[in-house]
Protein backbone atom coordinates (compact mmCIF):
# COMPACT_ATOMS: atom_id res chain seq x y z
CA MET A 1 14.49 -67.90 94.53
CA LYS A 2 15.95 -65.45 97.04
CA LYS A 3 19.42 -66.25 97.40
CA MET A 4 19.92 -67.07 101.69
CA GLN A 5 22.24 -63.93 102.30
CA SER A 6 22.55 -65.08 106.25
CA LEU A 7 26.04 -66.79 106.44
CA THR A 8 24.80 -68.81 109.36
CA THR A 9 21.45 -69.96 107.71
CA ARG A 10 23.14 -70.93 104.43
CA LEU A 11 25.75 -73.13 106.60
CA ILE A 12 22.92 -74.89 108.82
CA VAL A 13 20.92 -75.56 105.57
CA TYR A 14 23.79 -77.19 104.19
CA LEU A 15 24.98 -78.92 106.98
CA LEU A 16 21.09 -80.36 107.91
CA PHE A 17 20.56 -81.09 104.33
CA ALA A 18 23.71 -83.30 104.12
CA GLN A 19 22.92 -85.09 107.53
CA LEU A 20 19.38 -86.06 105.62
CA VAL A 21 21.23 -87.52 102.34
CA GLY A 22 23.79 -89.21 104.25
CA ALA A 23 20.49 -90.68 106.11
CA PHE A 24 18.27 -91.31 103.57
CA LEU A 25 20.32 -91.59 100.31
CA PRO A 26 22.45 -94.62 100.86
CA TRP A 27 19.29 -96.96 100.61
CA PRO A 28 18.14 -96.85 97.15
CA VAL A 29 21.65 -96.11 95.63
CA VAL A 30 22.73 -99.39 97.47
CA ALA A 31 19.44 -101.13 96.19
CA TYR A 32 20.06 -99.88 92.72
CA LEU A 33 24.00 -100.72 92.45
CA ALA A 34 22.81 -104.38 93.88
CA SER A 35 20.04 -103.99 90.97
CA VAL A 36 22.67 -103.78 88.51
CA ALA A 37 24.75 -106.20 89.83
CA GLU A 38 22.03 -108.40 89.96
CA ARG A 39 21.69 -107.82 86.05
CA TYR A 40 25.05 -108.75 85.05
CA GLY A 41 25.12 -111.95 87.77
CA GLY A 42 27.33 -110.57 90.20
CA ALA A 43 24.41 -110.04 93.17
CA ASP A 44 21.74 -111.59 95.13
CA ALA A 45 19.52 -109.22 95.77
CA MET A 46 17.20 -106.62 93.59
CA LEU A 47 15.41 -103.43 93.55
CA GLU A 48 12.18 -105.11 93.42
CA ILE A 49 12.73 -106.82 96.92
CA TYR A 50 11.76 -103.14 98.56
CA THR A 51 8.22 -103.36 96.16
CA TYR A 52 7.75 -106.91 97.45
CA PHE A 53 7.83 -105.97 101.13
CA HIS A 54 5.33 -103.38 100.23
CA ILE A 55 2.55 -105.46 98.39
CA GLN A 56 3.49 -108.27 100.93
CA ASP A 57 2.44 -105.84 103.34
CA LEU A 58 -0.47 -104.52 101.04
CA VAL A 59 -1.30 -108.55 100.86
CA ALA A 60 -1.64 -108.80 104.52
CA GLU A 61 -4.01 -105.73 104.99
CA SER A 62 -6.68 -107.36 102.81
CA LEU A 63 -6.80 -110.87 104.57
CA GLU A 64 -9.95 -111.71 106.30
CA THR A 65 -10.83 -114.51 108.65
CA SER A 66 -14.28 -116.54 108.57
CA PRO A 67 -16.38 -117.10 111.56
CA GLU A 68 -15.01 -121.03 111.10
CA GLY A 69 -11.45 -119.79 110.80
CA ALA A 70 -10.39 -120.02 107.25
CA VAL A 71 -8.44 -117.45 105.71
CA ARG A 72 -9.59 -115.39 102.60
CA LEU A 73 -8.10 -112.75 100.40
CA ALA A 74 -10.53 -109.74 99.77
CA PRO A 75 -8.15 -107.16 98.06
CA THR A 76 -8.18 -103.47 99.54
CA GLU A 77 -8.45 -100.39 97.43
CA ARG A 78 -5.11 -100.06 97.78
CA LEU A 79 -4.24 -103.48 96.85
CA LYS A 80 -6.20 -103.22 93.63
CA LEU A 81 -4.78 -100.03 92.59
CA ARG A 82 -1.06 -101.57 92.61
CA ALA A 83 -2.43 -104.41 90.93
CA ASP A 84 -3.75 -102.13 88.10
CA GLN A 85 0.01 -100.00 88.16
CA ASP A 86 1.38 -103.58 87.50
CA GLU A 87 -0.72 -105.84 85.06
CA ASP A 88 1.73 -108.73 85.74
CA VAL A 89 1.76 -108.78 89.35
CA ARG A 90 0.35 -111.95 91.15
CA TYR A 91 -0.37 -112.51 94.78
CA ALA A 92 -1.39 -115.16 97.63
CA ALA A 93 -1.99 -116.02 100.46
CA MET A 94 -1.97 -119.67 102.41
CA ALA A 95 -2.77 -120.17 106.38
CA ALA A 96 0.22 -121.52 108.00
CA ARG A 97 -1.33 -124.56 109.37
CA SER A 98 -3.22 -125.42 105.91
CA THR A 99 -2.36 -126.65 102.65
CA GLU A 100 -5.27 -124.92 100.96
CA LEU A 101 -4.72 -121.55 98.80
CA ALA A 102 -7.01 -118.73 100.38
CA PRO A 103 -9.52 -117.59 98.13
CA GLY A 104 -9.20 -114.01 96.11
CA SER A 105 -5.20 -115.75 95.54
CA SER A 106 -3.67 -116.36 92.20
CA PRO A 107 -3.79 -120.25 91.79
CA GLU A 108 -0.21 -120.39 89.52
CA LEU A 109 1.19 -119.12 93.13
CA HIS A 110 -0.51 -122.17 94.95
CA SER A 111 2.76 -124.57 94.16
CA LYS A 112 5.42 -122.11 95.09
CA LEU A 113 3.54 -122.19 98.67
CA VAL A 114 3.54 -125.63 99.71
CA ALA A 115 7.24 -125.93 98.78
CA ALA A 116 8.19 -122.80 101.02
CA LYS A 117 5.66 -124.73 103.50
CA GLU A 118 7.52 -128.17 103.23
CA ALA A 119 10.74 -126.59 103.15
CA ASP A 120 9.72 -124.98 106.44
CA ALA A 121 11.26 -121.44 105.31
CA ARG A 122 10.31 -117.82 106.20
CA VAL A 123 11.47 -116.68 103.10
CA PHE A 124 11.54 -118.40 100.34
CA ARG A 125 12.49 -117.00 96.70
CA PHE A 126 11.51 -118.82 93.49
CA HIS A 127 12.40 -118.20 89.81
CA THR A 128 9.40 -119.23 87.05
CA GLU A 129 11.36 -120.91 84.14
CA LYS A 130 8.26 -122.16 82.11
CA GLY A 131 4.72 -120.95 81.87
CA PRO A 132 3.48 -117.44 80.90
CA ASP A 133 5.48 -115.91 83.84
CA ALA A 134 8.93 -117.70 82.76
CA GLY A 135 11.55 -115.31 83.37
CA LYS A 136 9.50 -113.53 86.70
CA TRP A 137 11.15 -114.40 90.04
CA GLY A 138 9.02 -114.30 93.48
CA VAL A 139 9.27 -114.16 97.05
CA VAL A 140 7.40 -116.16 99.77
CA THR A 141 7.54 -115.38 103.65
CA LEU A 142 5.73 -116.79 106.69
CA MET A 143 4.24 -113.70 108.42
CA GLN A 144 2.27 -112.80 111.48
CA THR A 145 -0.67 -111.12 110.46
CA ARG A 146 -4.43 -110.45 112.16
CA SER A 147 -5.62 -113.78 110.65
CA GLY A 148 -2.29 -115.44 112.47
CA PRO A 149 0.83 -117.06 110.42
CA VAL A 150 0.08 -116.86 107.22
CA TYR A 151 2.44 -117.95 103.99
CA ILE A 152 2.26 -114.83 101.48
CA ALA A 153 3.43 -114.77 97.84
CA ALA A 154 3.95 -112.71 95.78
CA SER A 155 5.73 -112.26 91.58
CA GLY A 156 5.73 -109.66 88.61
CA PHE A 157 5.81 -106.89 90.17
CA ARG A 158 7.78 -103.55 88.95
CA PHE A 159 9.89 -101.33 90.94
CA HIS A 160 8.31 -97.85 92.46
CA TRP A 161 10.75 -95.33 93.97
CA LEU A 162 7.72 -95.34 96.29
CA ASP A 163 8.61 -98.48 97.69
CA VAL A 164 11.55 -97.47 99.34
CA VAL A 165 9.65 -95.12 101.23
CA HIS A 166 7.17 -98.03 102.56
CA PHE A 167 10.53 -99.89 103.77
CA VAL A 168 12.15 -96.87 105.54
CA ILE A 169 8.54 -96.49 107.38
CA ARG A 170 7.84 -100.09 107.92
CA ASP A 171 11.37 -101.74 109.04
CA LYS A 172 13.29 -98.82 110.06
CA PHE A 173 10.05 -96.36 111.57
CA TYR A 174 12.36 -95.93 115.21
CA GLU A 175 15.14 -95.89 113.46
CA THR A 176 13.90 -92.83 111.58
CA VAL A 177 12.17 -91.33 114.35
CA ALA A 178 15.48 -91.84 116.36
CA PHE A 179 17.39 -89.54 113.22
CA LEU A 180 14.75 -87.03 113.26
CA VAL A 181 15.37 -86.47 117.15
CA GLY A 182 19.10 -86.21 116.42
CA TRP A 183 18.53 -84.14 113.34
CA LEU A 184 16.35 -81.48 115.54
CA ALA A 185 18.88 -81.59 118.09
CA SER A 186 22.07 -81.00 116.01
CA CYS A 187 19.79 -78.28 114.26
CA SER A 188 20.05 -76.10 117.61
CA ILE A 189 23.70 -77.30 118.01
CA VAL A 190 25.01 -76.34 115.09
CA PHE A 191 22.48 -72.72 115.10
CA LEU A 192 24.15 -72.21 118.57
CA GLY A 193 27.75 -73.18 117.91
CA LEU A 194 27.62 -70.54 114.56
CA ARG A 195 26.01 -68.04 116.71
CA GLN A 196 29.05 -68.08 119.39
CA ALA A 197 31.46 -68.64 115.92
CA LEU A 198 30.23 -65.74 114.23
CA GLY A 199 30.05 -63.67 117.07
CA SER A 200 33.13 -62.22 116.71
CA LEU A 201 31.90 -60.68 113.30
CA ARG A 202 29.32 -58.94 114.61
CA ARG A 203 31.55 -57.28 117.32
CA ALA A 204 33.64 -55.83 114.47
CA ALA A 205 30.62 -54.87 112.48
CA LYS A 206 29.30 -52.92 115.63
CA ALA A 207 33.19 -51.53 115.77
CA ALA A 208 32.99 -50.33 112.11
CA GLU A 209 29.54 -48.57 112.68
CA ARG A 210 31.38 -46.41 115.40
CA ILE A 211 33.80 -45.26 113.27
CA ASP A 212 33.23 -41.92 111.42
CA LEU A 213 34.97 -38.24 110.77
CA ASP A 214 35.43 -37.30 114.80
CA SER A 215 36.55 -41.22 115.74
CA MET A 216 39.26 -41.29 112.81
CA GLY A 217 42.43 -43.17 114.49
CA GLN A 218 40.44 -46.66 115.27
CA GLY A 219 40.60 -49.76 113.66
CA ILE A 220 38.75 -53.11 114.02
CA VAL A 221 40.14 -55.34 116.29
CA ALA A 222 40.57 -58.99 114.79
CA THR A 223 41.10 -60.95 118.66
CA GLY A 224 38.72 -63.46 117.98
CA VAL A 225 37.54 -63.45 114.34
CA PRO A 226 37.68 -66.56 112.25
CA THR A 227 41.15 -66.80 110.48
CA GLU A 228 39.22 -66.83 107.21
CA ILE A 229 37.82 -63.35 107.95
CA ARG A 230 41.31 -61.51 109.35
CA PRO A 231 42.25 -60.76 105.80
CA ILE A 232 38.90 -58.75 105.32
CA ILE A 233 39.59 -57.32 108.62
CA ALA A 234 43.07 -56.41 108.04
CA ALA A 235 42.19 -55.28 104.72
CA MET A 236 39.45 -52.99 106.05
CA ASN A 237 42.28 -51.41 108.72
CA GLY A 238 44.14 -50.36 105.97
CA ALA A 239 41.56 -48.68 104.14
CA LEU A 240 40.51 -46.76 107.31
CA ALA A 241 44.43 -46.09 107.33
CA ARG A 242 44.50 -44.49 104.10
CA LEU A 243 41.50 -42.64 104.93
CA ASP A 244 42.80 -41.50 108.70
CA GLY A 245 45.89 -39.93 106.21
CA SER A 246 43.59 -38.14 103.34
CA VAL A 247 41.16 -36.48 106.01
CA ALA A 248 44.05 -35.40 108.37
CA ARG A 249 45.87 -34.11 105.47
CA MET A 250 42.68 -32.39 103.99
CA ARG A 251 42.07 -30.67 107.95
CA ARG A 252 45.81 -29.64 108.01
CA PHE A 253 45.26 -27.93 104.91
CA THR A 254 41.87 -26.66 105.90
CA ALA A 255 43.38 -24.87 108.80
CA ASN A 256 46.60 -23.66 107.10
CA THR A 257 44.46 -22.03 104.40
CA ALA A 258 41.97 -20.54 107.18
CA HIS A 259 45.09 -19.39 108.93
CA GLU A 260 46.60 -17.56 106.23
CA LEU A 261 43.49 -15.60 105.42
CA ARG A 262 43.28 -13.96 108.50
CA THR A 263 45.86 -11.90 108.05
CA PRO A 264 45.03 -10.33 104.63
CA LEU A 265 41.21 -9.69 105.45
CA ALA A 266 42.30 -8.09 108.68
CA VAL A 267 44.53 -5.51 106.51
CA MET A 268 41.92 -5.17 104.15
CA ARG A 269 39.38 -4.15 106.89
CA ALA A 270 41.65 -1.80 108.63
CA ARG A 271 41.98 0.07 105.23
CA LEU A 272 38.46 -0.20 104.10
CA GLU A 273 38.24 1.54 107.95
CA ASN A 274 40.37 4.02 106.58
CA GLU A 275 38.10 4.97 103.33
CA GLU A 276 35.57 8.17 102.97
CA PRO A 277 32.04 6.71 104.29
CA SER A 278 30.06 5.36 101.18
CA PRO A 279 27.28 3.05 100.45
CA LEU A 280 30.31 1.14 98.80
CA LYS A 281 32.53 0.85 101.63
CA ASN A 282 29.68 -0.55 103.89
CA ASP A 283 29.12 -3.33 101.11
CA LEU A 284 32.72 -4.05 101.60
CA LEU A 285 32.95 -3.87 105.23
CA ARG A 286 29.58 -6.20 105.27
CA ASP A 287 31.65 -8.91 103.06
CA ALA A 288 34.76 -8.93 104.60
CA SER A 289 33.36 -9.25 107.91
CA ARG A 290 31.25 -12.48 106.40
CA LEU A 291 34.96 -13.85 104.84
CA HIS A 292 36.26 -13.48 108.46
CA ALA A 293 33.30 -15.40 110.26
CA THR A 294 33.84 -17.91 107.53
CA VAL A 295 37.13 -17.86 107.91
CA GLU A 296 37.12 -18.15 111.56
CA GLN A 297 34.57 -21.06 111.50
CA LEU A 298 37.09 -23.18 109.31
CA LEU A 299 40.01 -22.58 111.62
CA ILE A 300 38.01 -23.48 114.84
CA ALA A 301 36.40 -26.57 113.07
CA ALA A 302 39.69 -27.91 112.29
CA ARG A 303 41.22 -27.04 115.69
CA ILE A 304 38.47 -28.88 116.94
CA SER A 305 38.39 -31.83 114.68
CA GLU A 306 42.13 -32.75 115.46
CA ASN A 307 41.50 -32.19 119.39
CA GLN A 308 43.63 -29.26 119.24
CA VAL A 309 41.08 -27.11 121.59
CA THR A 310 38.55 -28.57 123.78
CA ILE A 311 34.70 -28.58 123.67
CA ASP A 312 34.15 -28.71 127.46
CA GLU A 313 34.77 -25.45 128.53
CA ASP A 314 31.88 -23.67 130.47
CA VAL A 315 31.03 -20.43 128.37
CA ASP A 316 28.95 -17.52 129.60
CA LEU A 317 26.40 -17.21 126.80
CA SER A 318 24.93 -14.08 127.67
CA GLU A 319 28.47 -12.13 127.73
CA THR A 320 29.70 -13.65 124.28
CA VAL A 321 26.75 -13.25 122.86
CA CYS A 322 26.40 -9.57 124.07
CA GLN A 323 30.01 -9.20 122.71
CA ILE A 324 29.20 -10.38 119.47
CA VAL A 325 26.71 -7.86 118.89
CA ALA A 326 28.71 -4.93 119.97
CA ASP A 327 31.12 -6.12 117.18
CA HIS A 328 28.88 -6.08 114.91
CA SER A 329 26.71 -2.96 116.07
CA PRO A 330 28.96 -0.21 113.85
CA LEU A 331 28.48 -2.53 110.65
CA ALA A 332 24.63 -2.63 111.13
CA ARG A 333 24.37 1.37 111.77
CA ARG A 334 26.74 1.98 108.68
CA SER A 335 24.02 -0.27 106.78
CA GLU A 336 20.91 1.69 107.67
CA ARG A 337 19.78 -1.15 110.38
CA GLY A 338 19.33 -1.99 114.00
CA ILE A 339 20.78 -4.60 116.16
CA ALA A 340 18.75 -5.67 119.39
CA VAL A 341 19.11 -8.09 122.49
CA GLU A 342 16.63 -9.20 125.14
CA GLY A 343 17.59 -11.09 128.12
CA GLU A 344 21.16 -10.47 128.31
CA GLU A 345 20.46 -9.41 131.77
CA ARG A 346 20.84 -13.19 132.88
CA ALA A 347 23.83 -14.98 133.34
CA THR A 348 23.34 -18.00 131.27
CA ILE A 349 26.55 -20.96 131.51
CA VAL A 350 26.58 -23.40 128.40
CA ARG A 351 29.09 -25.97 127.80
CA GLY A 352 31.53 -25.82 124.48
CA ASN A 353 34.03 -24.00 122.96
CA ARG A 354 34.01 -19.93 123.28
CA ARG A 355 35.44 -19.29 119.87
CA ALA A 356 33.21 -22.12 118.14
CA ILE A 357 30.30 -20.20 119.80
CA GLU A 358 31.22 -16.92 118.61
CA SER A 359 31.63 -17.85 115.33
CA VAL A 360 28.50 -19.56 114.95
CA VAL A 361 26.36 -16.93 116.48
CA ALA A 362 28.60 -14.02 114.01
CA ASN A 363 27.76 -15.78 111.21
CA LEU A 364 23.98 -15.90 112.18
CA ILE A 365 24.08 -12.25 113.09
CA GLY A 366 26.19 -11.35 109.53
CA ASN A 367 23.07 -13.22 107.47
CA ALA A 368 20.48 -11.54 109.46
CA LEU A 369 21.85 -8.22 108.84
CA LYS A 370 22.21 -9.26 104.74
CA ALA A 371 18.79 -10.44 105.10
CA GLU A 372 17.10 -7.22 107.07
CA PRO A 373 15.57 -5.04 105.23
CA PRO A 374 16.91 -1.22 105.86
CA GLY A 375 15.15 0.39 108.37
CA GLY A 376 15.07 -2.91 110.11
CA THR A 377 15.89 -3.86 113.47
CA VAL A 378 17.78 -7.65 113.91
CA LEU A 379 16.83 -9.12 117.31
CA VAL A 380 18.96 -11.24 119.17
CA ARG A 381 17.23 -12.95 121.90
CA LEU A 382 19.00 -15.05 124.57
CA ARG A 383 16.94 -17.62 126.63
CA PRO A 384 17.52 -18.95 130.34
CA GLU A 385 17.78 -22.74 129.06
CA GLY A 386 20.65 -22.25 126.99
CA GLU A 387 19.64 -20.91 123.45
CA VAL A 388 20.10 -18.35 121.17
CA GLU A 389 17.39 -16.67 118.95
CA VAL A 390 18.81 -14.57 115.96
CA ILE A 391 15.61 -13.03 114.05
CA ASP A 392 15.41 -10.91 110.85
CA HIS A 393 12.62 -9.59 109.06
CA GLY A 394 13.85 -11.00 105.30
CA GLU A 395 12.09 -13.11 102.61
CA GLY A 396 12.36 -15.83 104.96
CA VAL A 397 13.54 -19.51 104.61
CA ALA A 398 10.77 -21.86 102.42
CA PRO A 399 9.66 -24.62 104.54
CA GLY A 400 11.23 -27.35 101.64
CA HIS A 401 14.93 -25.59 102.43
CA ARG A 402 15.17 -25.84 105.77
CA GLU A 403 16.80 -28.60 106.34
CA THR A 404 18.89 -28.19 102.54
CA ILE A 405 19.73 -24.97 103.51
CA PHE A 406 22.51 -26.45 106.02
CA GLU A 407 24.13 -28.64 103.33
CA PRO A 408 27.53 -27.58 101.72
CA PHE A 409 27.28 -24.93 98.79
CA TRP A 410 23.94 -24.63 98.87
CA ARG A 411 22.46 -21.59 97.79
CA LYS A 412 18.92 -20.40 97.15
CA SER A 413 20.09 -19.46 93.12
CA GLU A 414 23.05 -18.85 91.29
CA ALA A 415 22.14 -15.10 91.63
CA THR A 416 22.59 -15.41 95.22
CA PRO A 417 26.09 -13.82 96.89
CA GLY A 418 27.90 -16.28 98.47
CA SER A 419 29.83 -19.81 98.74
CA GLY A 420 27.01 -21.68 100.58
CA LEU A 421 29.38 -22.79 103.36
CA GLY A 422 28.73 -20.42 106.32
CA LEU A 423 25.59 -22.64 107.73
CA ALA A 424 27.12 -26.15 106.89
CA ILE A 425 30.22 -25.29 108.74
CA ALA A 426 27.92 -23.84 111.76
CA LYS A 427 26.15 -26.83 111.84
CA GLU A 428 28.80 -29.13 112.15
CA LEU A 429 30.38 -26.68 114.56
CA ILE A 430 27.32 -27.24 116.41
CA THR A 431 27.05 -31.01 116.40
CA LYS A 432 30.27 -30.98 117.31
CA LEU A 433 29.81 -28.85 120.73
CA ARG A 434 26.52 -31.47 120.85
CA GLY A 435 23.82 -28.60 120.35
CA ARG A 436 21.17 -27.87 117.87
CA ILE A 437 20.54 -25.41 115.12
CA CYS A 438 17.22 -24.77 113.55
CA VAL A 439 15.51 -22.50 111.26
CA GLU A 440 11.64 -21.07 111.84
CA GLU A 441 9.68 -18.41 110.62
CA THR A 442 9.69 -15.62 111.78
CA PRO A 443 6.11 -14.08 112.93
CA GLY A 444 4.95 -11.53 110.34
CA GLY A 445 7.68 -13.03 107.53
CA GLY A 446 11.32 -13.24 108.20
CA ALA A 447 13.65 -16.02 109.43
CA THR A 448 14.30 -17.35 113.21
CA PHE A 449 17.68 -18.99 113.13
CA LYS A 450 17.90 -21.05 116.74
CA LEU A 451 20.84 -22.52 118.82
CA SER A 452 20.70 -24.75 121.72
CA PHE A 453 23.82 -25.67 123.72
CA GLN A 454 24.54 -28.17 126.68
CA PRO A 455 23.81 -26.71 130.01
CA GLY A 456 27.18 -25.89 131.84
CA GLU A 457 27.89 -26.23 135.57
């Protein structure tokens, strides 16, 4: 059986089960204890009294009245079945206005019926001391039946637990109905009360769901949370505080490292520019440009995470992209590749951070120049809705890799050069700018990377 996962369901089930036990268990328990006490001579009650009540009702159901008004006992199937279960059971009936035994009755109980009538008793207990039924006890009661007032006697019966159920239904029906109504009402009250009491836990869970690496420094408010749950909330807040410290140290390290790498890279590029033209020089300049773009991406990503720069400034996307293309044009010529821009005549204003946009576009252009075959042209297309497309005509990206290509350290194979960080950082920056990045196939072969930004004022 699957264990209940809901705390509310568990509490409701346990509480309602306790109510059921408290309402119905005392009857058989008290009766059983009374029976034990009777066995040792300490009480005037027996467990079998519930059995008598059951047999009494079965006998009353079996009574018939003749046209002359005489009462006779015609056992029903239920009474016959009970007699088969208890071979020693005896039962009899006698009309209150007569001293004659009703046909179908056990004759050995006639004297008990007469004695009860002579004593004018409504309930008459007896104990047989002689004869084949010695040691057995029985009961005679005066009962109002459909045949009028009738004395009904029974003896030699044995207890069955279903007799208690019959007694509850017979004598405690309205009490049982009232309990069930109250029980259902308590179900509703307990459910509503628990929902109200546990509402603070749901609010705490929603607060925890909103915490991520972009919203560090937050904790879970324990206001209204039950006292028993507060230690868990305090432990979670402590864990979040430790994570905040670790993430802050990691970001500071990344920013410091990126900052320290900028100067050596600038010196290296300056020295390469002074070298004699050669294929090696072109390759080294291209690699230096890619390293510079990655370092710039790391630095701006760290500053955005620390809220050191804004991401809601208006940026002229056309001007920014054209400037990046112009910066990459010498590298493209040295690599025997071309680079062109479409749609630059229209000014397009987007929301974001200029340095972040520059670093992402520069990374995509650097990758495209690397993928473009010699003699080919990388196309950078600007669209008026705030989109940028960087199109190359190289090998392209397989459909199965168009999502994983943005994962950190992903490379097509071990032989592929690079660290696998550029596109991962680009996606992180675009996400922080509330934009989107994806890759599609270039018609005729190649890869088309698409960037979209939030529109500006």
